[in-house]
């Protein structure tokens, strides 16, 4: 239910802030996560590191905040023909983020416990357990569906913005294009992933800036 004490302009600004923070968190995610051979003791140790936890928790929070931004777009387009598209973007985004977060949660907490045991026992073979559950068909299917929904939501948000006429047409396109490539970017080298994260931050900040200016106008 909409809070009658919160003005539409204020809600739009909050959505802009959510998008901006989400973009920055994705850049932190890609930059902070250690990238080592995760079948070795060094890889197990990386699972226990602060960088690993900071990176994946940043991704989790970022995935929570992005649909909030879509919700702000929906509110901004209230009583227009494009409100429904923005509503679908927010709804699908929440579902996609929830499914994706379930996988990230396992990576944060499950791999940390496995890594601690592997390091304590000096047994690199324990990393096989972590890689087994990461590549489990059920886990991978849920993760892939989640990322697909995240991509669909971003595209729907871009369509709503493009057609609205009240926000810069291109402002949501770069973020949508980047989130569509979220799955394949996992196969890039570390430098490529960092570049992807920085681009997501820039795209999210652009959309956030457009929303912020629209709220002022």
N, C-alpha and C. Protein backbone atom coordinates (compact mmCIF):
# COMPACT_ATOMS: atom_id res chain seq x y z
N UNK A 1 0.85 -1.20 0.00
CA UNK A 1 0.00 0.00 0.00
C UNK A 1 0.88 1.25 0.00
N UNK A 2 0.49 2.24 -0.78
CA UNK A 2 1.26 3.46 -0.86
C UNK A 2 1.07 4.28 0.40
N UNK A 3 2.14 4.81 0.94
CA UNK A 3 2.09 5.65 2.13
C UNK A 3 1.62 7.03 1.72
N UNK A 4 0.45 7.49 2.22
CA UNK A 4 -0.07 8.78 1.81
C UNK A 4 0.79 9.94 2.29
N UNK A 5 1.66 9.69 3.26
CA UNK A 5 2.50 10.75 3.81
C UNK A 5 3.79 10.93 3.02
N UNK A 6 4.06 10.06 2.04
CA UNK A 6 5.27 10.16 1.23
C UNK A 6 4.87 10.67 -0.16
N UNK A 7 5.41 11.82 -0.55
CA UNK A 7 5.03 12.42 -1.82
C UNK A 7 5.60 11.61 -2.98
N UNK A 8 4.92 11.69 -4.16
CA UNK A 8 5.44 11.00 -5.34
C UNK A 8 6.87 11.42 -5.68
N UNK A 9 7.17 12.73 -5.55
CA UNK A 9 8.51 13.20 -5.84
C UNK A 9 9.53 12.55 -4.91
N UNK A 10 9.17 12.43 -3.63
CA UNK A 10 10.07 11.84 -2.65
C UNK A 10 10.31 10.37 -2.97
N UNK A 11 9.27 9.65 -3.36
CA UNK A 11 9.42 8.24 -3.71
C UNK A 11 10.31 8.08 -4.94
N UNK A 12 10.17 8.99 -5.89
CA UNK A 12 11.00 8.93 -7.08
C UNK A 12 12.47 9.15 -6.72
N UNK A 13 12.72 10.11 -5.83
CA UNK A 13 14.10 10.36 -5.40
C UNK A 13 14.67 9.15 -4.67
N UNK A 14 13.86 8.51 -3.82
CA UNK A 14 14.33 7.32 -3.12
C UNK A 14 14.67 6.21 -4.11
N UNK A 15 13.85 6.07 -5.16
CA UNK A 15 14.15 5.08 -6.19
C UNK A 15 15.43 5.40 -6.92
N UNK A 16 15.67 6.69 -7.17
CA UNK A 16 16.91 7.10 -7.82
C UNK A 16 18.11 6.77 -6.94
N UNK A 17 17.99 7.01 -5.65
CA UNK A 17 19.07 6.68 -4.72
C UNK A 17 19.32 5.18 -4.69
N UNK A 18 18.23 4.39 -4.70
CA UNK A 18 18.37 2.93 -4.71
C UNK A 18 19.13 2.45 -5.93
N UNK A 19 18.80 3.00 -7.10
CA UNK A 19 19.50 2.61 -8.33
C UNK A 19 20.97 3.00 -8.29
N UNK A 20 21.24 4.20 -7.79
CA UNK A 20 22.63 4.66 -7.73
C UNK A 20 23.46 3.76 -6.82
N UNK A 21 22.92 3.45 -5.65
CA UNK A 21 23.65 2.59 -4.71
C UNK A 21 23.83 1.19 -5.30
N UNK A 22 22.79 0.68 -5.98
CA UNK A 22 22.87 -0.65 -6.59
C UNK A 22 24.01 -0.70 -7.60
N UNK A 23 24.11 0.32 -8.44
CA UNK A 23 25.17 0.33 -9.44
C UNK A 23 26.55 0.32 -8.81
N UNK A 24 26.73 1.13 -7.77
CA UNK A 24 28.03 1.18 -7.07
C UNK A 24 28.34 -0.17 -6.44
N UNK A 25 27.32 -0.82 -5.88
CA UNK A 25 27.53 -2.12 -5.24
C UNK A 25 27.94 -3.19 -6.25
N UNK A 26 27.41 -3.11 -7.47
CA UNK A 26 27.82 -4.08 -8.49
C UNK A 26 29.28 -3.88 -8.87
N UNK A 27 29.72 -2.62 -8.91
CA UNK A 27 31.13 -2.37 -9.19
C UNK A 27 32.00 -2.92 -8.06
N UNK A 28 31.55 -2.75 -6.81
CA UNK A 28 32.29 -3.30 -5.67
C UNK A 28 32.33 -4.82 -5.75
N UNK A 29 31.21 -5.42 -6.12
CA UNK A 29 31.14 -6.88 -6.23
C UNK A 29 32.21 -7.43 -7.16
N UNK A 30 32.32 -6.83 -8.33
CA UNK A 30 33.27 -7.36 -9.31
C UNK A 30 34.71 -7.04 -8.93
N UNK A 31 34.94 -5.90 -8.27
CA UNK A 31 36.30 -5.52 -7.93
C UNK A 31 36.81 -6.22 -6.67
N UNK A 32 35.92 -6.48 -5.72
CA UNK A 32 36.36 -6.98 -4.41
C UNK A 32 36.54 -8.49 -4.37
N UNK A 33 35.80 -9.22 -5.20
CA UNK A 33 35.85 -10.69 -5.14
C UNK A 33 37.21 -11.20 -5.60
N UNK A 34 37.89 -12.02 -4.78
CA UNK A 34 39.15 -12.61 -5.25
C UNK A 34 38.89 -13.63 -6.34
N UNK A 35 39.73 -13.65 -7.35
CA UNK A 35 39.57 -14.58 -8.47
C UNK A 35 40.83 -15.45 -8.56
N UNK A 36 40.78 -16.60 -7.91
CA UNK A 36 41.90 -17.53 -7.95
C UNK A 36 41.38 -18.90 -8.37
N UNK A 37 42.28 -19.82 -8.62
CA UNK A 37 41.90 -21.19 -8.95
C UNK A 37 41.19 -21.79 -7.74
N UNK A 38 39.90 -22.01 -7.87
CA UNK A 38 39.10 -22.41 -6.72
C UNK A 38 39.07 -23.91 -6.50
N UNK A 39 40.01 -24.61 -7.10
CA UNK A 39 40.20 -26.03 -6.79
C UNK A 39 41.44 -26.23 -5.92
N UNK A 40 42.06 -25.13 -5.50
CA UNK A 40 43.29 -25.18 -4.70
C UNK A 40 43.02 -24.65 -3.30
N UNK A 41 44.03 -24.79 -2.43
CA UNK A 41 43.91 -24.23 -1.08
C UNK A 41 43.82 -22.71 -1.12
N UNK A 42 44.50 -22.10 -2.08
CA UNK A 42 44.38 -20.65 -2.23
C UNK A 42 42.94 -20.27 -2.57
N UNK A 43 42.32 -21.08 -3.42
CA UNK A 43 40.92 -20.84 -3.74
C UNK A 43 40.03 -21.00 -2.52
N UNK A 44 40.28 -22.05 -1.73
CA UNK A 44 39.51 -22.26 -0.49
C UNK A 44 39.70 -21.09 0.45
N UNK A 45 40.95 -20.60 0.56
CA UNK A 45 41.21 -19.46 1.43
C UNK A 45 40.47 -18.22 0.94
N UNK A 46 40.33 -18.08 -0.38
CA UNK A 46 39.63 -16.91 -0.91
C UNK A 46 38.17 -16.90 -0.48
N UNK A 47 37.58 -18.09 -0.31
CA UNK A 47 36.19 -18.17 0.14
C UNK A 47 36.02 -17.66 1.57
N UNK A 48 37.08 -17.69 2.34
CA UNK A 48 37.01 -17.23 3.73
C UNK A 48 37.39 -15.77 3.88
N UNK A 49 37.78 -15.13 2.81
CA UNK A 49 38.30 -13.76 2.90
C UNK A 49 37.20 -12.72 3.04
N UNK A 50 37.59 -11.56 3.56
CA UNK A 50 36.65 -10.45 3.66
C UNK A 50 36.19 -10.00 2.28
N UNK A 51 37.11 -10.03 1.31
CA UNK A 51 36.75 -9.61 -0.04
C UNK A 51 35.63 -10.44 -0.63
N UNK A 52 35.68 -11.77 -0.38
CA UNK A 52 34.64 -12.66 -0.89
C UNK A 52 33.28 -12.30 -0.29
N UNK A 53 33.25 -12.11 1.04
CA UNK A 53 31.98 -11.78 1.71
C UNK A 53 31.48 -10.41 1.27
N UNK A 54 32.36 -9.42 1.25
CA UNK A 54 31.95 -8.06 0.86
C UNK A 54 31.40 -8.07 -0.56
N UNK A 55 32.07 -8.78 -1.46
CA UNK A 55 31.65 -8.81 -2.86
C UNK A 55 30.25 -9.39 -3.01
N UNK A 56 30.03 -10.55 -2.42
CA UNK A 56 28.75 -11.22 -2.64
C UNK A 56 27.60 -10.57 -1.88
N UNK A 57 27.88 -10.02 -0.70
CA UNK A 57 26.84 -9.28 0.01
C UNK A 57 26.50 -8.01 -0.76
N UNK A 58 27.49 -7.39 -1.39
CA UNK A 58 27.22 -6.22 -2.23
C UNK A 58 26.30 -6.59 -3.38
N UNK A 59 26.54 -7.74 -4.01
CA UNK A 59 25.67 -8.18 -5.11
C UNK A 59 24.25 -8.44 -4.61
N UNK A 60 24.13 -9.05 -3.43
CA UNK A 60 22.81 -9.34 -2.87
C UNK A 60 22.03 -8.04 -2.64
N UNK A 61 22.67 -7.06 -1.99
CA UNK A 61 21.99 -5.80 -1.72
C UNK A 61 21.67 -5.07 -3.03
N UNK A 62 22.60 -5.12 -3.99
CA UNK A 62 22.34 -4.50 -5.27
C UNK A 62 21.13 -5.08 -5.97
N UNK A 63 20.99 -6.41 -5.90
CA UNK A 63 19.84 -7.07 -6.52
C UNK A 63 18.53 -6.72 -5.81
N UNK A 64 18.60 -6.42 -4.53
CA UNK A 64 17.40 -5.99 -3.81
C UNK A 64 17.00 -4.58 -4.23
N UNK A 65 18.00 -3.71 -4.43
CA UNK A 65 17.72 -2.30 -4.68
C UNK A 65 17.25 -2.01 -6.10
N UNK A 66 17.72 -2.78 -7.07
CA UNK A 66 17.34 -2.48 -8.46
C UNK A 66 15.82 -2.53 -8.69
N UNK A 67 15.11 -3.56 -8.21
CA UNK A 67 13.65 -3.53 -8.40
C UNK A 67 12.97 -2.38 -7.67
N UNK A 68 13.58 -1.91 -6.57
CA UNK A 68 13.03 -0.72 -5.91
C UNK A 68 13.08 0.48 -6.85
N UNK A 69 14.16 0.55 -7.62
CA UNK A 69 14.24 1.61 -8.62
C UNK A 69 13.16 1.49 -9.68
N UNK A 70 12.89 0.26 -10.11
CA UNK A 70 11.81 0.05 -11.08
C UNK A 70 10.46 0.44 -10.47
N UNK A 71 10.30 0.16 -9.18
CA UNK A 71 9.06 0.56 -8.50
C UNK A 71 8.89 2.07 -8.51
N UNK A 72 10.00 2.79 -8.36
CA UNK A 72 9.93 4.25 -8.42
C UNK A 72 9.55 4.73 -9.82
N UNK A 73 10.05 4.05 -10.83
CA UNK A 73 9.65 4.38 -12.21
C UNK A 73 8.16 4.15 -12.37
N UNK A 74 7.67 3.04 -11.83
CA UNK A 74 6.23 2.77 -11.90
C UNK A 74 5.43 3.89 -11.24
N UNK A 75 5.89 4.32 -10.05
CA UNK A 75 5.20 5.41 -9.37
C UNK A 75 5.25 6.71 -10.16
N UNK A 76 6.38 6.98 -10.79
CA UNK A 76 6.52 8.19 -11.58
C UNK A 76 5.58 8.17 -12.78
N UNK A 77 5.35 6.97 -13.32
CA UNK A 77 4.48 6.84 -14.49
C UNK A 77 3.04 6.51 -14.11
N UNK A 78 2.69 6.74 -12.86
CA UNK A 78 1.33 6.46 -12.37
C UNK A 78 0.29 7.17 -13.24
N UNK A 79 -0.78 6.45 -13.54
CA UNK A 79 -1.88 6.98 -14.35
C UNK A 79 -1.47 7.30 -15.78
N UNK A 80 -0.43 6.62 -16.26
CA UNK A 80 -0.06 6.74 -17.68
C UNK A 80 -0.18 5.35 -18.31
N UNK A 81 -0.22 5.27 -19.65
CA UNK A 81 -0.32 3.96 -20.30
C UNK A 81 0.88 3.05 -20.04
N UNK A 82 1.98 3.60 -19.52
CA UNK A 82 3.21 2.82 -19.37
C UNK A 82 3.43 2.35 -17.93
N UNK A 83 2.48 2.68 -17.07
CA UNK A 83 2.60 2.24 -15.68
C UNK A 83 2.62 0.71 -15.58
N UNK A 84 1.79 0.05 -16.37
CA UNK A 84 1.71 -1.41 -16.31
C UNK A 84 3.06 -2.06 -16.68
N UNK A 85 3.71 -1.53 -17.70
CA UNK A 85 5.00 -2.09 -18.09
C UNK A 85 6.02 -1.92 -16.97
N UNK A 86 6.03 -0.75 -16.35
CA UNK A 86 6.95 -0.52 -15.23
C UNK A 86 6.59 -1.40 -14.04
N UNK A 87 5.30 -1.62 -13.83
CA UNK A 87 4.87 -2.51 -12.74
C UNK A 87 5.36 -3.94 -12.98
N UNK A 88 5.25 -4.39 -14.22
CA UNK A 88 5.75 -5.72 -14.56
C UNK A 88 7.26 -5.80 -14.36
N UNK A 89 7.97 -4.73 -14.72
CA UNK A 89 9.42 -4.70 -14.52
C UNK A 89 9.76 -4.87 -13.04
N UNK A 90 9.07 -4.14 -12.18
CA UNK A 90 9.34 -4.23 -10.74
C UNK A 90 9.00 -5.61 -10.20
N UNK A 91 7.84 -6.14 -10.60
CA UNK A 91 7.40 -7.44 -10.09
C UNK A 91 8.33 -8.56 -10.54
N UNK A 92 8.62 -8.60 -11.83
CA UNK A 92 9.52 -9.63 -12.35
C UNK A 92 10.92 -9.44 -11.78
N UNK A 93 11.32 -8.19 -11.59
CA UNK A 93 12.63 -7.92 -11.01
C UNK A 93 12.75 -8.47 -9.60
N UNK A 94 11.71 -8.30 -8.79
CA UNK A 94 11.74 -8.84 -7.42
C UNK A 94 11.89 -10.35 -7.44
N UNK A 95 11.12 -11.01 -8.31
CA UNK A 95 11.18 -12.48 -8.38
C UNK A 95 12.56 -12.93 -8.86
N UNK A 96 13.06 -12.29 -9.91
CA UNK A 96 14.38 -12.65 -10.43
C UNK A 96 15.48 -12.42 -9.42
N UNK A 97 15.42 -11.30 -8.73
CA UNK A 97 16.43 -11.02 -7.71
C UNK A 97 16.36 -12.04 -6.58
N UNK A 98 15.15 -12.40 -6.18
CA UNK A 98 15.01 -13.39 -5.10
C UNK A 98 15.63 -14.73 -5.46
N UNK A 99 15.38 -15.19 -6.67
CA UNK A 99 15.95 -16.46 -7.11
C UNK A 99 17.47 -16.38 -7.22
N UNK A 100 17.96 -15.28 -7.74
CA UNK A 100 19.40 -15.12 -7.89
C UNK A 100 20.09 -15.02 -6.54
N UNK A 101 19.47 -14.30 -5.62
CA UNK A 101 20.04 -14.12 -4.28
C UNK A 101 20.18 -15.45 -3.56
N UNK A 102 19.27 -16.39 -3.81
CA UNK A 102 19.37 -17.69 -3.13
C UNK A 102 20.69 -18.38 -3.46
N UNK A 103 21.18 -18.19 -4.68
CA UNK A 103 22.46 -18.79 -5.09
C UNK A 103 23.62 -18.02 -4.47
N UNK A 104 23.52 -16.70 -4.48
CA UNK A 104 24.59 -15.89 -3.89
C UNK A 104 24.72 -16.16 -2.39
N UNK A 105 23.59 -16.38 -1.73
CA UNK A 105 23.64 -16.68 -0.30
C UNK A 105 24.43 -17.94 -0.02
N UNK A 106 24.21 -18.96 -0.85
CA UNK A 106 24.98 -20.20 -0.69
C UNK A 106 26.46 -19.96 -0.91
N UNK A 107 26.79 -19.10 -1.87
CA UNK A 107 28.19 -18.81 -2.13
C UNK A 107 28.84 -18.06 -0.96
N UNK A 108 28.09 -17.16 -0.34
CA UNK A 108 28.66 -16.40 0.77
C UNK A 108 28.90 -17.30 1.98
N UNK A 109 27.85 -18.01 2.40
CA UNK A 109 27.90 -18.72 3.68
C UNK A 109 28.39 -20.16 3.53
N UNK A 110 27.90 -20.87 2.52
CA UNK A 110 28.30 -22.27 2.35
C UNK A 110 29.77 -22.41 1.99
N UNK A 111 30.21 -21.63 1.00
CA UNK A 111 31.60 -21.74 0.58
C UNK A 111 32.56 -21.27 1.67
N UNK A 112 32.14 -20.31 2.48
CA UNK A 112 33.00 -19.86 3.57
C UNK A 112 33.27 -20.99 4.55
N UNK A 113 32.22 -21.74 4.91
CA UNK A 113 32.39 -22.85 5.84
C UNK A 113 33.27 -23.94 5.25
N UNK A 114 33.06 -24.24 3.97
CA UNK A 114 33.87 -25.26 3.31
C UNK A 114 35.32 -24.81 3.22
N UNK A 115 35.51 -23.54 2.87
CA UNK A 115 36.86 -23.01 2.76
C UNK A 115 37.60 -23.04 4.08
N UNK A 116 36.92 -22.71 5.16
CA UNK A 116 37.55 -22.74 6.48
C UNK A 116 38.00 -24.15 6.84
N UNK A 117 37.16 -25.12 6.54
CA UNK A 117 37.52 -26.51 6.85
C UNK A 117 38.68 -26.98 5.97
N UNK A 118 38.64 -26.62 4.70
CA UNK A 118 39.72 -27.02 3.78
C UNK A 118 41.06 -26.44 4.22
N UNK A 119 41.05 -25.17 4.62
CA UNK A 119 42.29 -24.54 5.06
C UNK A 119 42.77 -25.15 6.38
N UNK A 120 41.85 -25.39 7.31
CA UNK A 120 42.23 -25.95 8.61
C UNK A 120 42.82 -27.35 8.45
N UNK A 121 42.28 -28.13 7.51
CA UNK A 121 42.75 -29.50 7.30
C UNK A 121 43.84 -29.59 6.24
N UNK A 122 44.16 -28.45 5.60
CA UNK A 122 45.11 -28.44 4.47
C UNK A 122 44.70 -29.47 3.42
N UNK A 123 43.41 -29.49 3.12
CA UNK A 123 42.86 -30.50 2.21
C UNK A 123 42.14 -29.79 1.05
N UNK A 124 42.86 -29.63 -0.05
CA UNK A 124 42.28 -28.94 -1.21
C UNK A 124 41.13 -29.71 -1.83
N UNK A 125 41.06 -31.03 -1.56
CA UNK A 125 39.98 -31.82 -2.17
C UNK A 125 38.61 -31.40 -1.66
N UNK A 126 38.56 -30.73 -0.51
CA UNK A 126 37.27 -30.28 0.02
C UNK A 126 36.63 -29.21 -0.88
N UNK A 127 37.46 -28.57 -1.72
CA UNK A 127 36.87 -27.59 -2.64
C UNK A 127 35.93 -28.26 -3.63
N UNK A 128 36.11 -29.56 -3.84
CA UNK A 128 35.21 -30.29 -4.73
C UNK A 128 33.77 -30.23 -4.22
N UNK A 129 33.62 -30.24 -2.88
CA UNK A 129 32.27 -30.18 -2.31
C UNK A 129 31.61 -28.85 -2.70
N UNK A 130 32.38 -27.76 -2.54
CA UNK A 130 31.82 -26.47 -2.91
C UNK A 130 31.48 -26.38 -4.37
N UNK A 131 32.35 -26.87 -5.22
CA UNK A 131 32.09 -26.81 -6.65
C UNK A 131 30.96 -27.75 -7.06
N UNK A 132 30.76 -28.83 -6.29
CA UNK A 132 29.64 -29.73 -6.58
C UNK A 132 28.31 -29.03 -6.35
N UNK A 133 28.18 -28.29 -5.24
CA UNK A 133 26.87 -27.66 -5.02
C UNK A 133 26.70 -26.41 -5.88
N UNK A 134 27.80 -25.79 -6.27
CA UNK A 134 27.68 -24.64 -7.17
C UNK A 134 27.20 -25.08 -8.55
N UNK A 135 27.60 -26.28 -8.97
CA UNK A 135 27.23 -26.79 -10.29
C UNK A 135 26.07 -27.77 -10.24
N UNK A 136 25.44 -27.87 -9.08
CA UNK A 136 24.27 -28.75 -8.95
C UNK A 136 23.19 -28.31 -9.95
N UNK A 137 22.57 -29.25 -10.66
CA UNK A 137 21.60 -28.87 -11.69
C UNK A 137 20.45 -28.01 -11.16
N UNK A 138 19.97 -28.33 -9.96
CA UNK A 138 18.87 -27.53 -9.40
C UNK A 138 19.34 -26.11 -9.11
N UNK A 139 20.52 -26.00 -8.47
CA UNK A 139 21.05 -24.67 -8.15
C UNK A 139 21.30 -23.86 -9.42
N UNK A 140 21.89 -24.48 -10.42
CA UNK A 140 22.18 -23.76 -11.65
C UNK A 140 20.92 -23.35 -12.39
N UNK A 141 19.89 -24.21 -12.34
CA UNK A 141 18.63 -23.88 -13.00
C UNK A 141 17.95 -22.69 -12.34
N UNK A 142 17.91 -22.70 -11.01
CA UNK A 142 17.31 -21.58 -10.28
C UNK A 142 18.08 -20.30 -10.56
N UNK A 143 19.40 -20.40 -10.54
CA UNK A 143 20.25 -19.23 -10.79
C UNK A 143 20.01 -18.69 -12.20
N UNK A 144 19.97 -19.57 -13.18
CA UNK A 144 19.78 -19.14 -14.57
C UNK A 144 18.40 -18.50 -14.77
N UNK A 145 17.37 -19.10 -14.16
CA UNK A 145 16.02 -18.51 -14.27
C UNK A 145 16.00 -17.13 -13.61
N UNK A 146 16.64 -17.04 -12.45
CA UNK A 146 16.70 -15.75 -11.77
C UNK A 146 17.35 -14.69 -12.63
N UNK A 147 18.49 -15.02 -13.24
CA UNK A 147 19.18 -14.05 -14.09
C UNK A 147 18.37 -13.70 -15.33
N UNK A 148 17.65 -14.69 -15.87
CA UNK A 148 16.79 -14.42 -17.03
C UNK A 148 15.70 -13.41 -16.66
N UNK A 149 15.10 -13.59 -15.48
CA UNK A 149 14.05 -12.67 -15.03
C UNK A 149 14.63 -11.29 -14.74
N UNK A 150 15.82 -11.24 -14.17
CA UNK A 150 16.49 -9.95 -13.95
C UNK A 150 16.66 -9.21 -15.28
N UNK A 151 17.06 -9.96 -16.31
CA UNK A 151 17.25 -9.36 -17.63
C UNK A 151 15.92 -8.89 -18.22
N UNK A 152 14.88 -9.71 -18.11
CA UNK A 152 13.57 -9.34 -18.65
C UNK A 152 13.05 -8.09 -17.96
N UNK A 153 13.21 -8.03 -16.63
CA UNK A 153 12.76 -6.86 -15.88
C UNK A 153 13.46 -5.60 -16.35
N UNK A 154 14.77 -5.70 -16.57
CA UNK A 154 15.52 -4.53 -17.02
C UNK A 154 15.06 -4.06 -18.39
N UNK A 155 14.77 -5.00 -19.27
CA UNK A 155 14.29 -4.65 -20.62
C UNK A 155 12.91 -3.99 -20.53
N UNK A 156 12.03 -4.53 -19.69
CA UNK A 156 10.71 -3.93 -19.52
C UNK A 156 10.80 -2.51 -18.95
N UNK A 157 11.72 -2.32 -17.99
CA UNK A 157 11.90 -0.97 -17.44
C UNK A 157 12.38 -0.01 -18.52
N UNK A 158 13.30 -0.49 -19.37
CA UNK A 158 13.80 0.35 -20.45
C UNK A 158 12.69 0.70 -21.45
N UNK A 159 11.82 -0.27 -21.72
CA UNK A 159 10.69 -0.02 -22.63
C UNK A 159 9.75 1.03 -22.04
N UNK A 160 9.45 0.90 -20.73
CA UNK A 160 8.57 1.87 -20.07
C UNK A 160 9.16 3.26 -20.12
N UNK A 161 10.46 3.37 -19.85
CA UNK A 161 11.12 4.68 -19.88
C UNK A 161 11.14 5.23 -21.30
N UNK A 162 11.48 4.39 -22.26
CA UNK A 162 11.58 4.82 -23.67
C UNK A 162 10.25 5.40 -24.16
N UNK A 163 9.16 4.73 -23.80
CA UNK A 163 7.85 5.12 -24.31
C UNK A 163 7.18 6.23 -23.49
N UNK A 164 7.71 6.49 -22.32
CA UNK A 164 7.03 7.41 -21.40
C UNK A 164 6.99 8.84 -21.92
N UNK A 165 8.07 9.30 -22.54
CA UNK A 165 8.14 10.68 -22.98
C UNK A 165 8.45 11.66 -21.87
N UNK A 166 8.46 11.18 -20.63
CA UNK A 166 8.73 12.07 -19.49
C UNK A 166 10.10 11.82 -18.87
N UNK A 167 10.82 10.82 -19.37
CA UNK A 167 12.18 10.53 -18.96
C UNK A 167 13.03 10.42 -20.22
N UNK A 168 14.33 10.76 -20.15
CA UNK A 168 15.18 10.62 -21.34
C UNK A 168 15.10 9.21 -21.92
N UNK A 169 14.85 9.11 -23.19
CA UNK A 169 14.58 7.81 -23.81
C UNK A 169 15.66 6.77 -23.58
N UNK A 170 16.91 7.21 -23.69
CA UNK A 170 18.03 6.27 -23.63
C UNK A 170 18.49 5.98 -22.21
N UNK A 171 17.90 6.62 -21.21
CA UNK A 171 18.47 6.57 -19.86
C UNK A 171 18.45 5.18 -19.24
N UNK A 172 17.51 4.32 -19.63
CA UNK A 172 17.44 2.98 -19.05
C UNK A 172 18.01 1.90 -19.97
N UNK A 173 18.36 2.27 -21.19
CA UNK A 173 18.83 1.28 -22.16
C UNK A 173 20.18 0.66 -21.77
N UNK A 174 21.19 1.46 -21.41
CA UNK A 174 22.48 0.84 -21.07
C UNK A 174 22.39 -0.14 -19.91
N UNK A 175 21.63 0.19 -18.87
CA UNK A 175 21.50 -0.73 -17.74
C UNK A 175 20.83 -2.02 -18.18
N UNK A 176 19.80 -1.91 -19.01
CA UNK A 176 19.12 -3.11 -19.50
C UNK A 176 20.08 -3.97 -20.31
N UNK A 177 20.85 -3.34 -21.20
CA UNK A 177 21.79 -4.10 -22.03
C UNK A 177 22.82 -4.83 -21.18
N UNK A 178 23.30 -4.18 -20.14
CA UNK A 178 24.31 -4.79 -19.28
C UNK A 178 23.73 -5.92 -18.43
N UNK A 179 22.52 -5.74 -17.92
CA UNK A 179 21.92 -6.80 -17.11
C UNK A 179 21.52 -8.00 -17.97
N UNK A 180 21.25 -7.78 -19.22
CA UNK A 180 21.02 -8.90 -20.14
C UNK A 180 22.28 -9.75 -20.28
N UNK A 181 23.43 -9.12 -20.15
CA UNK A 181 24.70 -9.84 -20.28
C UNK A 181 25.27 -10.29 -18.93
N UNK A 182 24.45 -10.26 -17.89
CA UNK A 182 24.97 -10.62 -16.56
C UNK A 182 25.46 -12.06 -16.50
N UNK A 183 24.75 -12.98 -17.14
CA UNK A 183 25.19 -14.37 -17.13
C UNK A 183 26.48 -14.58 -17.92
N UNK A 184 26.58 -14.14 -19.17
CA UNK A 184 27.83 -14.39 -19.91
C UNK A 184 29.04 -13.66 -19.32
N UNK A 185 28.84 -12.56 -18.58
CA UNK A 185 30.01 -11.86 -18.05
C UNK A 185 30.74 -12.67 -16.99
N UNK A 186 30.08 -13.71 -16.43
CA UNK A 186 30.76 -14.56 -15.45
C UNK A 186 31.93 -15.33 -16.08
N UNK A 187 31.92 -15.44 -17.39
CA UNK A 187 32.97 -16.19 -18.07
C UNK A 187 34.11 -15.29 -18.56
N UNK A 188 34.03 -14.00 -18.25
CA UNK A 188 35.10 -13.08 -18.63
C UNK A 188 36.28 -13.20 -17.66
N UNK A 189 37.47 -12.80 -18.07
CA UNK A 189 38.58 -12.71 -17.12
C UNK A 189 38.27 -11.64 -16.08
N UNK A 190 39.06 -11.63 -15.00
CA UNK A 190 38.78 -10.73 -13.88
C UNK A 190 38.69 -9.27 -14.34
N UNK A 191 39.64 -8.85 -15.18
CA UNK A 191 39.63 -7.46 -15.65
C UNK A 191 38.35 -7.14 -16.41
N UNK A 192 37.89 -8.09 -17.22
CA UNK A 192 36.65 -7.90 -17.97
C UNK A 192 35.45 -7.77 -17.05
N UNK A 193 35.44 -8.56 -15.98
CA UNK A 193 34.33 -8.48 -15.04
C UNK A 193 34.33 -7.15 -14.29
N UNK A 194 35.52 -6.67 -13.97
CA UNK A 194 35.60 -5.37 -13.29
C UNK A 194 35.07 -4.27 -14.21
N UNK A 195 35.45 -4.32 -15.49
CA UNK A 195 34.95 -3.33 -16.45
C UNK A 195 33.43 -3.41 -16.54
N UNK A 196 32.89 -4.63 -16.57
CA UNK A 196 31.43 -4.80 -16.61
C UNK A 196 30.79 -4.15 -15.39
N UNK A 197 31.36 -4.38 -14.21
CA UNK A 197 30.81 -3.79 -12.99
C UNK A 197 30.84 -2.27 -13.02
N UNK A 198 31.93 -1.70 -13.51
CA UNK A 198 32.03 -0.24 -13.61
C UNK A 198 30.99 0.30 -14.59
N UNK A 199 30.77 -0.41 -15.69
CA UNK A 199 29.76 0.02 -16.66
C UNK A 199 28.36 -0.05 -16.07
N UNK A 200 28.09 -1.09 -15.28
CA UNK A 200 26.79 -1.17 -14.60
C UNK A 200 26.60 0.02 -13.67
N UNK A 201 27.65 0.36 -12.93
CA UNK A 201 27.57 1.52 -12.04
C UNK A 201 27.26 2.79 -12.82
N UNK A 202 27.96 2.98 -13.94
CA UNK A 202 27.74 4.19 -14.75
C UNK A 202 26.32 4.22 -15.31
N UNK A 203 25.84 3.06 -15.78
CA UNK A 203 24.48 3.01 -16.36
C UNK A 203 23.42 3.25 -15.29
N UNK A 204 23.61 2.67 -14.11
CA UNK A 204 22.64 2.86 -13.03
C UNK A 204 22.63 4.31 -12.56
N UNK A 205 23.81 4.91 -12.50
CA UNK A 205 23.89 6.32 -12.08
C UNK A 205 23.22 7.23 -13.11
N UNK A 206 23.34 6.89 -14.39
CA UNK A 206 22.66 7.69 -15.43
C UNK A 206 21.14 7.62 -15.25
N UNK A 207 20.62 6.41 -15.07
CA UNK A 207 19.18 6.27 -14.87
C UNK A 207 18.74 6.95 -13.58
N UNK A 208 19.54 6.81 -12.53
CA UNK A 208 19.22 7.45 -11.26
C UNK A 208 19.19 8.97 -11.41
N UNK A 209 20.15 9.51 -12.16
CA UNK A 209 20.19 10.95 -12.38
C UNK A 209 18.95 11.42 -13.15
N UNK A 210 18.54 10.63 -14.14
CA UNK A 210 17.34 11.00 -14.91
C UNK A 210 16.10 11.00 -14.03
N UNK A 211 15.98 10.01 -13.15
CA UNK A 211 14.86 9.96 -12.23
C UNK A 211 14.88 11.14 -11.26
N UNK A 212 16.05 11.44 -10.75
CA UNK A 212 16.19 12.53 -9.78
C UNK A 212 15.76 13.87 -10.41
N UNK A 213 16.25 14.10 -11.62
CA UNK A 213 15.90 15.34 -12.31
C UNK A 213 14.42 15.40 -12.62
N UNK A 214 13.84 14.24 -12.98
CA UNK A 214 12.41 14.21 -13.28
C UNK A 214 11.58 14.52 -12.04
N UNK A 215 12.04 14.05 -10.89
CA UNK A 215 11.32 14.34 -9.64
C UNK A 215 11.36 15.83 -9.34
N UNK A 216 12.49 16.47 -9.61
CA UNK A 216 12.61 17.91 -9.38
C UNK A 216 11.72 18.69 -10.32
N UNK A 217 11.63 18.20 -11.56
CA UNK A 217 10.82 18.90 -12.55
C UNK A 217 9.33 18.78 -12.27
